Amino acid sequence: MVFALALSIVAYSAPNAERPTPNAGIRQSVPDPKMPMPAEKDWKDPGYLNIVWIQSPNCDKRKKDTVIDTIVVHSTAIASLEKTTEVFQRTNPNPVSSHFTIGKDGSIVQNVSTFDRAWHAGVSKDATGRTSVNQYSIGIELVNMDDGKDGYPEPQLQALCGIIAEMRRRFPIKQLVSHEFIAIPPGRKMDPAAFPWKRLAYFGLPMYYGQNKN
Protein backbone atom coordinates (compact mmCIF):
# COMPACT_ATOMS: atom_id res chain seq x y z
CA MET A 1 0.00 0.00 0.00
CA VAL A 2 2.82 2.38 0.83
CA PHE A 3 4.47 1.64 -2.50
CA ALA A 4 1.27 2.13 -4.51
CA LEU A 5 0.61 5.43 -2.74
CA ALA A 6 4.13 6.63 -3.36
CA LEU A 7 4.07 5.85 -7.07
CA SER A 8 0.62 7.37 -7.52
CA ILE A 9 1.99 10.62 -6.08
CA VAL A 10 4.96 10.52 -8.44
CA ALA A 11 2.60 10.17 -11.41
CA TYR A 12 1.44 13.74 -10.75
CA SER A 13 4.71 15.32 -11.82
CA ALA A 14 3.51 18.76 -12.90
CA PRO A 15 3.80 21.56 -10.33
CA ASN A 16 0.43 22.82 -9.09
CA ALA A 17 -1.42 20.06 -10.94
CA GLU A 18 -5.05 19.61 -9.95
CA ARG A 19 -6.90 16.38 -9.32
CA PRO A 20 -10.48 15.67 -8.34
CA THR A 21 -11.42 14.86 -4.75
CA PRO A 22 -14.27 12.61 -3.61
CA ASN A 23 -16.30 15.74 -2.81
CA ALA A 24 -18.19 16.79 -5.93
CA GLY A 25 -17.34 20.25 -7.19
CA ILE A 26 -14.16 20.56 -5.11
CA ARG A 27 -10.69 20.43 -6.69
CA GLN A 28 -7.51 20.21 -4.72
CA SER A 29 -4.06 21.49 -5.70
CA VAL A 30 -1.35 18.81 -5.63
CA PRO A 31 2.00 20.22 -4.48
CA ASP A 32 5.13 19.72 -6.53
CA PRO A 33 6.61 16.46 -5.15
CA LYS A 34 10.22 17.40 -5.95
CA MET A 35 12.61 18.37 -3.16
CA PRO A 36 16.18 19.73 -3.21
CA MET A 37 19.20 17.60 -2.44
CA PRO A 38 19.45 17.49 1.37
CA ALA A 39 22.64 18.51 3.15
CA GLU A 40 24.83 15.55 4.08
CA LYS A 41 23.95 15.88 7.76
CA ASP A 42 20.23 15.83 6.90
CA TRP A 43 20.22 12.87 4.50
CA LYS A 44 18.04 9.93 5.44
CA ASP A 45 17.17 7.03 3.15
CA PRO A 46 13.37 7.09 2.70
CA GLY A 47 12.95 3.44 3.73
CA TYR A 48 11.53 0.27 2.20
CA LEU A 49 9.16 1.03 -0.70
CA ASN A 50 9.10 4.72 0.19
CA ILE A 51 10.03 7.21 -2.49
CA VAL A 52 11.33 10.77 -2.58
CA TRP A 53 11.89 12.87 -5.68
CA ILE A 54 15.21 14.71 -5.81
CA GLN A 55 15.33 16.23 -9.26
CA SER A 56 18.49 15.89 -11.34
CA PRO A 57 19.34 18.72 -13.72
CA ASN A 58 20.74 16.16 -16.15
CA CYS A 59 17.76 15.46 -18.37
CA ASP A 60 15.78 16.88 -21.26
CA LYS A 61 12.53 16.39 -23.14
CA ARG A 62 11.93 13.30 -25.24
CA LYS A 63 11.17 13.73 -28.91
CA LYS A 64 7.52 14.29 -29.73
CA ASP A 65 5.48 11.08 -30.07
CA THR A 66 8.21 8.92 -28.51
CA VAL A 67 6.91 5.51 -27.40
CA ILE A 68 8.54 4.49 -24.12
CA ASP A 69 8.88 0.72 -24.39
CA THR A 70 12.15 -0.29 -22.70
CA ILE A 71 13.47 -0.54 -19.16
CA VAL A 72 17.22 -0.46 -18.63
CA VAL A 73 18.56 -1.95 -15.39
CA HIS A 74 21.84 -0.54 -14.09
CA SER A 75 24.01 -0.84 -11.03
CA THR A 76 25.57 2.27 -9.57
CA ALA A 77 29.15 1.17 -8.77
CA ILE A 78 28.62 3.64 -5.90
CA ALA A 79 28.12 2.42 -2.34
CA SER A 80 25.06 4.40 -1.25
CA LEU A 81 21.80 5.95 -2.36
CA GLU A 82 22.94 9.33 -1.05
CA LYS A 83 26.21 9.38 -3.00
CA THR A 84 24.50 8.24 -6.20
CA THR A 85 21.90 11.00 -5.87
CA GLU A 86 24.71 13.48 -5.28
CA VAL A 87 26.46 12.37 -8.49
CA PHE A 88 23.22 12.93 -10.40
CA GLN A 89 23.24 16.56 -9.20
CA ARG A 90 26.61 17.28 -10.86
CA THR A 91 26.57 18.98 -14.22
CA ASN A 92 30.31 18.57 -14.89
CA PRO A 93 32.39 16.89 -16.16
CA ASN A 94 30.13 13.98 -17.09
CA PRO A 95 26.46 14.77 -16.44
CA VAL A 96 24.40 11.62 -15.85
CA SER A 97 21.08 10.64 -14.29
CA SER A 98 18.46 7.92 -14.14
CA HIS A 99 14.73 7.97 -13.59
CA PHE A 100 14.93 5.95 -10.36
CA THR A 101 17.62 4.76 -7.97
CA ILE A 102 16.90 1.95 -5.50
CA GLY A 103 18.86 1.43 -2.30
CA LYS A 104 19.67 -1.95 -0.83
CA ASP A 105 16.86 -1.59 1.72
CA GLY A 106 14.28 -0.86 -0.99
CA SER A 107 14.41 2.92 -0.55
CA ILE A 108 13.65 4.74 -3.80
CA VAL A 109 14.78 8.12 -5.11
CA GLN A 110 13.20 9.44 -8.29
CA ASN A 111 15.61 11.66 -10.20
CA VAL A 112 13.75 12.48 -13.43
CA SER A 113 10.12 12.41 -14.58
CA THR A 114 9.35 9.27 -16.54
CA PHE A 115 7.93 11.48 -19.27
CA ASP A 116 11.35 13.15 -19.72
CA ARG A 117 14.63 11.70 -20.96
CA ALA A 118 17.20 10.79 -18.32
CA TRP A 119 20.85 10.45 -19.31
CA HIS A 120 21.67 6.90 -18.28
CA ALA A 121 22.39 4.73 -21.33
CA GLY A 122 25.11 6.65 -23.15
CA VAL A 123 26.04 5.49 -26.64
CA SER A 124 23.73 2.55 -27.05
CA LYS A 125 21.80 0.15 -29.28
CA ASP A 126 19.09 -2.38 -28.49
CA ALA A 127 18.56 -5.90 -29.87
CA THR A 128 16.61 -4.61 -32.88
CA GLY A 129 19.34 -2.13 -33.81
CA ARG A 130 17.63 0.99 -32.50
CA THR A 131 20.19 3.48 -31.21
CA SER A 132 19.93 6.29 -28.63
CA VAL A 133 18.24 4.08 -26.04
CA ASN A 134 17.76 7.03 -23.67
CA GLN A 135 15.10 8.30 -26.04
CA TYR A 136 12.63 5.46 -25.48
CA SER A 137 13.62 3.97 -22.13
CA ILE A 138 13.24 4.19 -18.37
CA GLY A 139 16.54 3.93 -16.49
CA ILE A 140 16.60 2.25 -13.07
CA GLU A 141 19.79 2.21 -10.99
CA LEU A 142 20.41 -0.35 -8.24
CA VAL A 143 22.86 0.57 -5.49
CA ASN A 144 25.53 -2.07 -5.97
CA MET A 145 29.32 -2.00 -6.35
CA ASP A 146 29.06 -3.81 -9.72
CA ASP A 147 31.97 -6.08 -8.90
CA GLY A 148 30.11 -9.37 -9.37
CA LYS A 149 30.33 -10.03 -5.62
CA ASP A 150 28.02 -7.43 -4.14
CA GLY A 151 24.51 -8.86 -3.91
CA TYR A 152 21.02 -7.55 -4.60
CA PRO A 153 18.96 -7.94 -1.40
CA GLU A 154 15.34 -9.02 -1.56
CA PRO A 155 13.93 -5.60 -0.50
CA GLN A 156 15.82 -3.99 -3.39
CA LEU A 157 14.52 -6.57 -5.85
CA GLN A 158 10.97 -6.12 -4.58
CA ALA A 159 11.20 -2.37 -5.11
CA LEU A 160 12.55 -2.93 -8.63
CA CYS A 161 9.67 -5.27 -9.44
CA GLY A 162 7.20 -2.71 -8.12
CA ILE A 163 8.59 0.03 -10.34
CA ILE A 164 8.62 -2.24 -13.38
CA ALA A 165 4.99 -3.15 -12.71
CA GLU A 166 4.04 0.52 -12.43
CA MET A 167 5.91 1.41 -15.63
CA ARG A 168 4.05 -1.38 -17.46
CA ARG A 169 0.77 0.18 -16.38
CA ARG A 170 1.91 3.57 -17.62
CA PHE A 171 3.77 2.64 -20.83
CA PRO A 172 3.76 -0.22 -23.40
CA ILE A 173 6.96 -1.77 -22.05
CA LYS A 174 8.13 -4.57 -24.33
CA GLN A 175 11.64 -5.42 -23.09
CA LEU A 176 13.95 -5.42 -20.07
CA VAL A 177 17.63 -4.88 -20.84
CA SER A 178 20.90 -4.54 -19.00
CA HIS A 179 23.17 -1.54 -19.45
CA GLU A 180 25.85 -4.00 -20.50
CA PHE A 181 23.74 -5.33 -23.38
CA ILE A 182 22.95 -1.96 -24.94
CA ALA A 183 26.33 -0.25 -24.40
CA ILE A 184 28.38 0.58 -27.48
CA PRO A 185 31.05 -0.62 -28.06
CA PRO A 186 30.40 -4.03 -26.49
CA GLY A 187 32.31 -4.28 -23.23
CA ARG A 188 32.02 -0.57 -22.44
CA LYS A 189 29.73 -1.41 -19.50
CA MET A 190 29.19 -4.55 -17.41
CA ASP A 191 26.28 -3.58 -15.20
CA PRO A 192 24.33 -4.85 -13.45
CA ALA A 193 27.02 -7.44 -12.71
CA ALA A 194 25.75 -10.81 -11.41
CA PHE A 195 22.14 -9.62 -11.40
CA PRO A 196 19.55 -12.42 -10.89
CA TRP A 197 17.58 -11.97 -14.11
CA LYS A 198 15.39 -15.00 -13.37
CA ARG A 199 13.84 -12.87 -10.64
CA LEU A 200 12.16 -10.79 -13.38
CA ALA A 201 11.04 -13.70 -15.58
CA TYR A 202 7.47 -13.66 -14.23
CA PHE A 203 6.82 -10.40 -16.10
CA GLY A 204 6.86 -12.46 -19.30
CA LEU A 205 8.89 -9.86 -21.17
CA PRO A 206 11.91 -10.46 -23.40
CA MET A 207 15.10 -9.86 -21.39
CA TYR A 208 18.44 -8.99 -22.93
CA TYR A 209 21.62 -9.05 -20.86
CA GLY A 210 25.28 -9.93 -21.21
CA GLN A 211 27.23 -8.50 -24.12
CA ASN A 212 25.40 -7.81 -27.37
CA LYS A 213 27.89 -8.93 -30.00
CA ASN A 214 25.66 -8.28 -33.00
C-alpha atoms as a PDB file:
ATOM      1  CA  MET A   1       0.000   0.000   0.000  1.00  0.00           C
ATOM      2  CA  VAL A   2       2.823   2.381   0.833  1.00  0.00           C
ATOM      3  CA  PHE A   3       4.470   1.640  -2.503  1.00  0.00           C
ATOM      4  CA  ALA A   4       1.266   2.129  -4.505  1.00  0.00           C
ATOM      5  CA  LEU A   5       0.611   5.433  -2.745  1.00  0.00           C
ATOM      6  CA  ALA A   6       4.135   6.628  -3.363  1.00  0.00           C
ATOM      7  CA  LEU A   7       4.074   5.853  -7.068  1.00  0.00           C
ATOM      8  CA  SER A   8       0.625   7.374  -7.516  1.00  0.00           C
ATOM      9  CA  ILE A   9       1.986  10.622  -6.082  1.00  0.00           C
ATOM     10  CA  VAL A  10       4.964  10.521  -8.437  1.00  0.00           C
ATOM     11  CA  ALA A  11       2.604  10.172 -11.408  1.00  0.00           C
ATOM     12  CA  TYR A  12       1.440  13.744 -10.748  1.00  0.00           C
ATOM     13  CA  SER A  13       4.706  15.323 -11.822  1.00  0.00           C
ATOM     14  CA  ALA A  14       3.513  18.758 -12.903  1.00  0.00           C
ATOM     15  CA  PRO A  15       3.797  21.555 -10.328  1.00  0.00           C
ATOM     16  CA  ASN A  16       0.434  22.819  -9.090  1.00  0.00           C
ATOM     17  CA  ALA A  17      -1.424  20.057 -10.939  1.00  0.00           C
ATOM     18  CA  GLU A  18      -5.049  19.607  -9.955  1.00  0.00           C
ATOM     19  CA  ARG A  19      -6.898  16.379  -9.321  1.00  0.00           C
ATOM     20  CA  PRO A  20     -10.484  15.674  -8.337  1.00  0.00           C
ATOM     21  CA  THR A  21     -11.421  14.857  -4.748  1.00  0.00           C
ATOM     22  CA  PRO A  22     -14.269  12.612  -3.612  1.00  0.00           C
ATOM     23  CA  ASN A  23     -16.300  15.742  -2.813  1.00  0.00           C
ATOM     24  CA  ALA A  24     -18.195  16.789  -5.926  1.00  0.00           C
ATOM     25  CA  GLY A  25     -17.336  20.250  -7.192  1.00  0.00           C
ATOM     26  CA  ILE A  26     -14.164  20.563  -5.111  1.00  0.00           C
ATOM     27  CA  ARG A  27     -10.689  20.431  -6.690  1.00  0.00           C
ATOM     28  CA  GLN A  28      -7.505  20.212  -4.715  1.00  0.00           C
ATOM     29  CA  SER A  29      -4.062  21.494  -5.696  1.00  0.00           C
ATOM     30  CA  VAL A  30      -1.347  18.815  -5.630  1.00  0.00           C
ATOM     31  CA  PRO A  31       2.002  20.217  -4.482  1.00  0.00           C
ATOM     32  CA  ASP A  32       5.127  19.719  -6.535  1.00  0.00           C
ATOM     33  CA  PRO A  33       6.607  16.459  -5.149  1.00  0.00           C
ATOM     34  CA  LYS A  34      10.224  17.405  -5.951  1.00  0.00           C
ATOM     35  CA  MET A  35      12.610  18.373  -3.163  1.00  0.00           C
ATOM     36  CA  PRO A  36      16.182  19.735  -3.212  1.00  0.00           C
ATOM     37  CA  MET A  37      19.203  17.601  -2.436  1.00  0.00           C
ATOM     38  CA  PRO A  38      19.451  17.485   1.375  1.00  0.00           C
ATOM     39  CA  ALA A  39      22.643  18.514   3.150  1.00  0.00           C
ATOM     40  CA  GLU A  40      24.828  15.551   4.077  1.00  0.00           C
ATOM     41  CA  LYS A  41      23.948  15.882   7.757  1.00  0.00           C
ATOM     42  CA  ASP A  42      20.226  15.830   6.904  1.00  0.00           C
ATOM     43  CA  TRP A  43      20.217  12.867   4.502  1.00  0.00           C
ATOM     44  CA  LYS A  44      18.037   9.930   5.435  1.00  0.00           C
ATOM     45  CA  ASP A  45      17.166   7.034   3.149  1.00  0.00           C
ATOM     46  CA  PRO A  46      13.369   7.093   2.702  1.00  0.00           C
ATOM     47  CA  GLY A  47      12.947   3.440   3.726  1.00  0.00           C
ATOM     48  CA  TYR A  48      11.528   0.267   2.204  1.00  0.00           C
ATOM     49  CA  LEU A  49       9.157   1.031  -0.700  1.00  0.00           C
ATOM     50  CA  ASN A  50       9.096   4.723   0.192  1.00  0.00           C
ATOM     51  CA  ILE A  51      10.025   7.210  -2.491  1.00  0.00           C
ATOM     52  CA  VAL A  52      11.331  10.766  -2.575  1.00  0.00           C
ATOM     53  CA  TRP A  53      11.886  12.874  -5.684  1.00  0.00           C
ATOM     54  CA  ILE A  54      15.209  14.711  -5.806  1.00  0.00           C
ATOM     55  CA  GLN A  55      15.325  16.234  -9.263  1.00  0.00           C
ATOM     56  CA  SER A  56      18.486  15.885 -11.338  1.00  0.00           C
ATOM     57  CA  PRO A  57      19.341  18.725 -13.724  1.00  0.00           C
ATOM     58  CA  ASN A  58      20.744  16.162 -16.150  1.00  0.00           C
ATOM     59  CA  CYS A  59      17.756  15.463 -18.368  1.00  0.00           C
ATOM     60  CA  ASP A  60      15.784  16.876 -21.261  1.00  0.00           C
ATOM     61  CA  LYS A  61      12.528  16.395 -23.141  1.00  0.00           C
ATOM     62  CA  ARG A  62      11.927  13.302 -25.235  1.00  0.00           C
ATOM     63  CA  LYS A  63      11.174  13.732 -28.907  1.00  0.00           C
ATOM     64  CA  LYS A  64       7.521  14.288 -29.730  1.00  0.00           C
ATOM     65  CA  ASP A  65       5.477  11.075 -30.071  1.00  0.00           C
ATOM     66  CA  THR A  66       8.208   8.918 -28.514  1.00  0.00           C
ATOM     67  CA  VAL A  67       6.908   5.511 -27.398  1.00  0.00           C
ATOM     68  CA  ILE A  68       8.538   4.490 -24.116  1.00  0.00           C
ATOM     69  CA  ASP A  69       8.884   0.718 -24.387  1.00  0.00           C
ATOM     70  CA  THR A  70      12.154  -0.288 -22.703  1.00  0.00           C
ATOM     71  CA  ILE A  71      13.467  -0.537 -19.156  1.00  0.00           C
ATOM     72  CA  VAL A  72      17.221  -0.456 -18.631  1.00  0.00           C
ATOM     73  CA  VAL A  73      18.555  -1.949 -15.393  1.00  0.00           C
ATOM     74  CA  HIS A  74      21.841  -0.541 -14.095  1.00  0.00           C
ATOM     75  CA  SER A  75      24.015  -0.837 -11.029  1.00  0.00           C
ATOM     76  CA  THR A  76      25.567   2.273  -9.574  1.00  0.00           C
ATOM     77  CA  ALA A  77      29.148   1.171  -8.766  1.00  0.00           C
ATOM     78  CA  ILE A  78      28.624   3.636  -5.904  1.00  0.00           C
ATOM     79  CA  ALA A  79      28.116   2.423  -2.343  1.00  0.00           C
ATOM     80  CA  SER A  80      25.063   4.395  -1.250  1.00  0.00           C
ATOM     81  CA  LEU A  81      21.797   5.948  -2.360  1.00  0.00           C
ATOM     82  CA  GLU A  82      22.937   9.326  -1.053  1.00  0.00           C
ATOM     83  CA  LYS A  83      26.206   9.384  -3.003  1.00  0.00           C
ATOM     84  CA  THR A  84      24.500   8.238  -6.198  1.00  0.00           C
ATOM     85  CA  THR A  85      21.904  10.995  -5.869  1.00  0.00           C
ATOM     86  CA  GLU A  86      24.706  13.478  -5.277  1.00  0.00           C
ATOM     87  CA  VAL A  87      26.462  12.373  -8.491  1.00  0.00           C
ATOM     88  CA  PHE A  88      23.219  12.928 -10.397  1.00  0.00           C
ATOM     89  CA  GLN A  89      23.241  16.563  -9.202  1.00  0.00           C
ATOM     90  CA  ARG A  90      26.613  17.278 -10.855  1.00  0.00           C
ATOM     91  CA  THR A  91      26.565  18.977 -14.225  1.00  0.00           C
ATOM     92  CA  ASN A  92      30.315  18.575 -14.889  1.00  0.00           C
ATOM     93  CA  PRO A  93      32.385  16.894 -16.163  1.00  0.00           C
ATOM     94  CA  ASN A  94      30.130  13.976 -17.092  1.00  0.00           C
ATOM     95  CA  PRO A  95      26.459  14.768 -16.437  1.00  0.00           C
ATOM     96  CA  VAL A  96      24.398  11.620 -15.855  1.00  0.00           C
ATOM     97  CA  SER A  97      21.075  10.639 -14.287  1.00  0.00           C
ATOM     98  CA  SER A  98      18.464   7.919 -14.139  1.00  0.00           C
ATOM     99  CA  HIS A  99      14.727   7.967 -13.593  1.00  0.00           C
ATOM    100  CA  PHE A 100      14.930   5.946 -10.360  1.00  0.00           C
ATOM    101  CA  THR A 101      17.624   4.757  -7.970  1.00  0.00           C
ATOM    102  CA  ILE A 102      16.900   1.946  -5.499  1.00  0.00           C
ATOM    103  CA  GLY A 103      18.865   1.428  -2.302  1.00  0.00           C
ATOM    104  CA  LYS A 104      19.668  -1.955  -0.829  1.00  0.00           C
ATOM    105  CA  ASP A 105      16.863  -1.591   1.724  1.00  0.00           C
ATOM    106  CA  GLY A 106      14.276  -0.860  -0.993  1.00  0.00           C
ATOM    107  CA  SER A 107      14.413   2.920  -0.548  1.00  0.00           C
ATOM    108  CA  ILE A 108      13.648   4.743  -3.800  1.00  0.00           C
ATOM    109  CA  VAL A 109      14.776   8.120  -5.113  1.00  0.00           C
ATOM    110  CA  GLN A 110      13.202   9.440  -8.289  1.00  0.00           C
ATOM    111  CA  ASN A 111      15.614  11.663 -10.200  1.00  0.00           C
ATOM    112  CA  VAL A 112      13.753  12.482 -13.434  1.00  0.00           C
ATOM    113  CA  SER A 113      10.122  12.412 -14.576  1.00  0.00           C
ATOM    114  CA  THR A 114       9.353   9.272 -16.536  1.00  0.00           C
ATOM    115  CA  PHE A 115       7.926  11.483 -19.268  1.00  0.00           C
ATOM    116  CA  ASP A 116      11.347  13.150 -19.723  1.00  0.00           C
ATOM    117  CA  ARG A 117      14.625  11.703 -20.960  1.00  0.00           C
ATOM    118  CA  ALA A 118      17.199  10.787 -18.322  1.00  0.00           C
ATOM    119  CA  TRP A 119      20.850  10.451 -19.313  1.00  0.00           C
ATOM    120  CA  HIS A 120      21.669   6.904 -18.278  1.00  0.00           C
ATOM    121  CA  ALA A 121      22.386   4.732 -21.333  1.00  0.00           C
ATOM    122  CA  GLY A 122      25.112   6.648 -23.152  1.00  0.00           C
ATOM    123  CA  VAL A 123      26.038   5.494 -26.644  1.00  0.00           C
ATOM    124  CA  SER A 124      23.727   2.552 -27.045  1.00  0.00           C
ATOM    125  CA  LYS A 125      21.802   0.146 -29.280  1.00  0.00           C
ATOM    126  CA  ASP A 126      19.093  -2.385 -28.490  1.00  0.00           C
ATOM    127  CA  ALA A 127      18.560  -5.904 -29.866  1.00  0.00           C
ATOM    128  CA  THR A 128      16.609  -4.614 -32.877  1.00  0.00           C
ATOM    129  CA  GLY A 129      19.339  -2.127 -33.811  1.00  0.00           C
ATOM    130  CA  ARG A 130      17.629   0.987 -32.498  1.00  0.00           C
ATOM    131  CA  THR A 131      20.186   3.479 -31.212  1.00  0.00           C
ATOM    132  CA  SER A 132      19.934   6.286 -28.629  1.00  0.00           C
ATOM    133  CA  VAL A 133      18.243   4.081 -26.044  1.00  0.00           C
ATOM    134  CA  ASN A 134      17.760   7.032 -23.665  1.00  0.00           C
ATOM    135  CA  GLN A 135      15.103   8.300 -26.036  1.00  0.00           C
ATOM    136  CA  TYR A 136      12.625   5.462 -25.477  1.00  0.00           C
ATOM    137  CA  SER A 137      13.618   3.967 -22.130  1.00  0.00           C
ATOM    138  CA  ILE A 138      13.244   4.193 -18.374  1.00  0.00           C
ATOM    139  CA  GLY A 139      16.542   3.927 -16.487  1.00  0.00           C
ATOM    140  CA  ILE A 140      16.600   2.247 -13.067  1.00  0.00           C
ATOM    141  CA  GLU A 141      19.791   2.208 -10.994  1.00  0.00           C
ATOM    142  CA  LEU A 142      20.405  -0.346  -8.237  1.00  0.00           C
ATOM    143  CA  VAL A 143      22.860   0.573  -5.487  1.00  0.00           C
ATOM    144  CA  ASN A 144      25.531  -2.071  -5.975  1.00  0.00           C
ATOM    145  CA  MET A 145      29.316  -1.996  -6.351  1.00  0.00           C
ATOM    146  CA  ASP A 146      29.057  -3.814  -9.717  1.00  0.00           C
ATOM    147  CA  ASP A 147      31.969  -6.084  -8.899  1.00  0.00           C
ATOM    148  CA  GLY A 148      30.115  -9.367  -9.373  1.00  0.00           C
ATOM    149  CA  LYS A 149      30.334 -10.035  -5.620  1.00  0.00           C
ATOM    150  CA  ASP A 150      28.020  -7.426  -4.141  1.00  0.00           C
ATOM    151  CA  GLY A 151      24.513  -8.856  -3.907  1.00  0.00           C
ATOM    152  CA  TYR A 152      21.021  -7.545  -4.603  1.00  0.00           C
ATOM    153  CA  PRO A 153      18.962  -7.940  -1.402  1.00  0.00           C
ATOM    154  CA  GLU A 154      15.340  -9.023  -1.559  1.00  0.00           C
ATOM    155  CA  PRO A 155      13.935  -5.598  -0.497  1.00  0.00           C
ATOM    156  CA  GLN A 156      15.823  -3.985  -3.390  1.00  0.00           C
ATOM    157  CA  LEU A 157      14.518  -6.572  -5.853  1.00  0.00           C
ATOM    158  CA  GLN A 158      10.967  -6.125  -4.580  1.00  0.00           C
ATOM    159  CA  ALA A 159      11.203  -2.366  -5.109  1.00  0.00           C
ATOM    160  CA  LEU A 160      12.550  -2.927  -8.627  1.00  0.00           C
ATOM    161  CA  CYS A 161       9.670  -5.268  -9.439  1.00  0.00           C
ATOM    162  CA  GLY A 162       7.197  -2.710  -8.124  1.00  0.00           C
ATOM    163  CA  ILE A 163       8.593   0.033 -10.342  1.00  0.00           C
ATOM    164  CA  ILE A 164       8.619  -2.244 -13.382  1.00  0.00           C
ATOM    165  CA  ALA A 165       4.988  -3.146 -12.715  1.00  0.00           C
ATOM    166  CA  GLU A 166       4.036   0.519 -12.428  1.00  0.00           C
ATOM    167  CA  MET A 167       5.909   1.412 -15.634  1.00  0.00           C
ATOM    168  CA  ARG A 168       4.053  -1.376 -17.458  1.00  0.00           C
ATOM    169  CA  ARG A 169       0.773   0.183 -16.384  1.00  0.00           C
ATOM    170  CA  ARG A 170       1.913   3.569 -17.623  1.00  0.00           C
ATOM    171  CA  PHE A 171       3.770   2.642 -20.833  1.00  0.00           C
ATOM    172  CA  PRO A 172       3.756  -0.219 -23.404  1.00  0.00           C
ATOM    173  CA  ILE A 173       6.957  -1.772 -22.050  1.00  0.00           C
ATOM    174  CA  LYS A 174       8.129  -4.575 -24.331  1.00  0.00           C
ATOM    175  CA  GLN A 175      11.637  -5.424 -23.095  1.00  0.00           C
ATOM    176  CA  LEU A 176      13.945  -5.419 -20.069  1.00  0.00           C
ATOM    177  CA  VAL A 177      17.629  -4.885 -20.843  1.00  0.00           C
ATOM    178  CA  SER A 178      20.899  -4.537 -19.002  1.00  0.00           C
ATOM    179  CA  HIS A 179      23.166  -1.542 -19.454  1.00  0.00           C
ATOM    180  CA  GLU A 180      25.855  -3.999 -20.496  1.00  0.00           C
ATOM    181  CA  PHE A 181      23.735  -5.334 -23.376  1.00  0.00           C
ATOM    182  CA  ILE A 182      22.948  -1.957 -24.937  1.00  0.00           C
ATOM    183  CA  ALA A 183      26.326  -0.247 -24.404  1.00  0.00           C
ATOM    184  CA  ILE A 184      28.384   0.576 -27.481  1.00  0.00           C
ATOM    185  CA  PRO A 185      31.048  -0.616 -28.061  1.00  0.00           C
ATOM    186  CA  PRO A 186      30.403  -4.034 -26.488  1.00  0.00           C
ATOM    187  CA  GLY A 187      32.311  -4.281 -23.227  1.00  0.00           C
ATOM    188  CA  ARG A 188      32.023  -0.575 -22.437  1.00  0.00           C
ATOM    189  CA  LYS A 189      29.730  -1.415 -19.496  1.00  0.00           C
ATOM    190  CA  MET A 190      29.187  -4.547 -17.409  1.00  0.00           C
ATOM    191  CA  ASP A 191      26.276  -3.582 -15.201  1.00  0.00           C
ATOM    192  CA  PRO A 192      24.328  -4.848 -13.452  1.00  0.00           C
ATOM    193  CA  ALA A 193      27.016  -7.444 -12.713  1.00  0.00           C
ATOM    194  CA  ALA A 194      25.750 -10.805 -11.409  1.00  0.00           C
ATOM    195  CA  PHE A 195      22.141  -9.615 -11.399  1.00  0.00           C
ATOM    196  CA  PRO A 196      19.551 -12.423 -10.887  1.00  0.00           C
ATOM    197  CA  TRP A 197      17.577 -11.971 -14.109  1.00  0.00           C
ATOM    198  CA  LYS A 198      15.392 -15.003 -13.373  1.00  0.00           C
ATOM    199  CA  ARG A 199      13.838 -12.867 -10.644  1.00  0.00           C
ATOM    200  CA  LEU A 200      12.161 -10.788 -13.384  1.00  0.00           C
ATOM    201  CA  ALA A 201      11.039 -13.702 -15.584  1.00  0.00           C
ATOM    202  CA  TYR A 202       7.473 -13.656 -14.231  1.00  0.00           C
ATOM    203  CA  PHE A 203       6.820 -10.404 -16.102  1.00  0.00           C
ATOM    204  CA  GLY A 204       6.863 -12.458 -19.301  1.00  0.00           C
ATOM    205  CA  LEU A 205       8.895  -9.862 -21.173  1.00  0.00           C
ATOM    206  CA  PRO A 206      11.914 -10.464 -23.397  1.00  0.00           C
ATOM    207  CA  MET A 207      15.104  -9.862 -21.387  1.00  0.00           C
ATOM    208  CA  TYR A 208      18.443  -8.994 -22.926  1.00  0.00           C
ATOM    209  CA  TYR A 209      21.616  -9.049 -20.859  1.00  0.00           C
ATOM    210  CA  GLY A 210      25.281  -9.930 -21.206  1.00  0.00           C
ATOM    211  CA  GLN A 211      27.225  -8.503 -24.119  1.00  0.00           C
ATOM    212  CA  ASN A 212      25.404  -7.807 -27.370  1.00  0.00           C
ATOM    213  CA  LYS A 213      27.886  -8.929 -30.004  1.00  0.00           C
ATOM    214  CA  ASN A 214      25.658  -8.281 -33.000  1.00  0.00           C
END
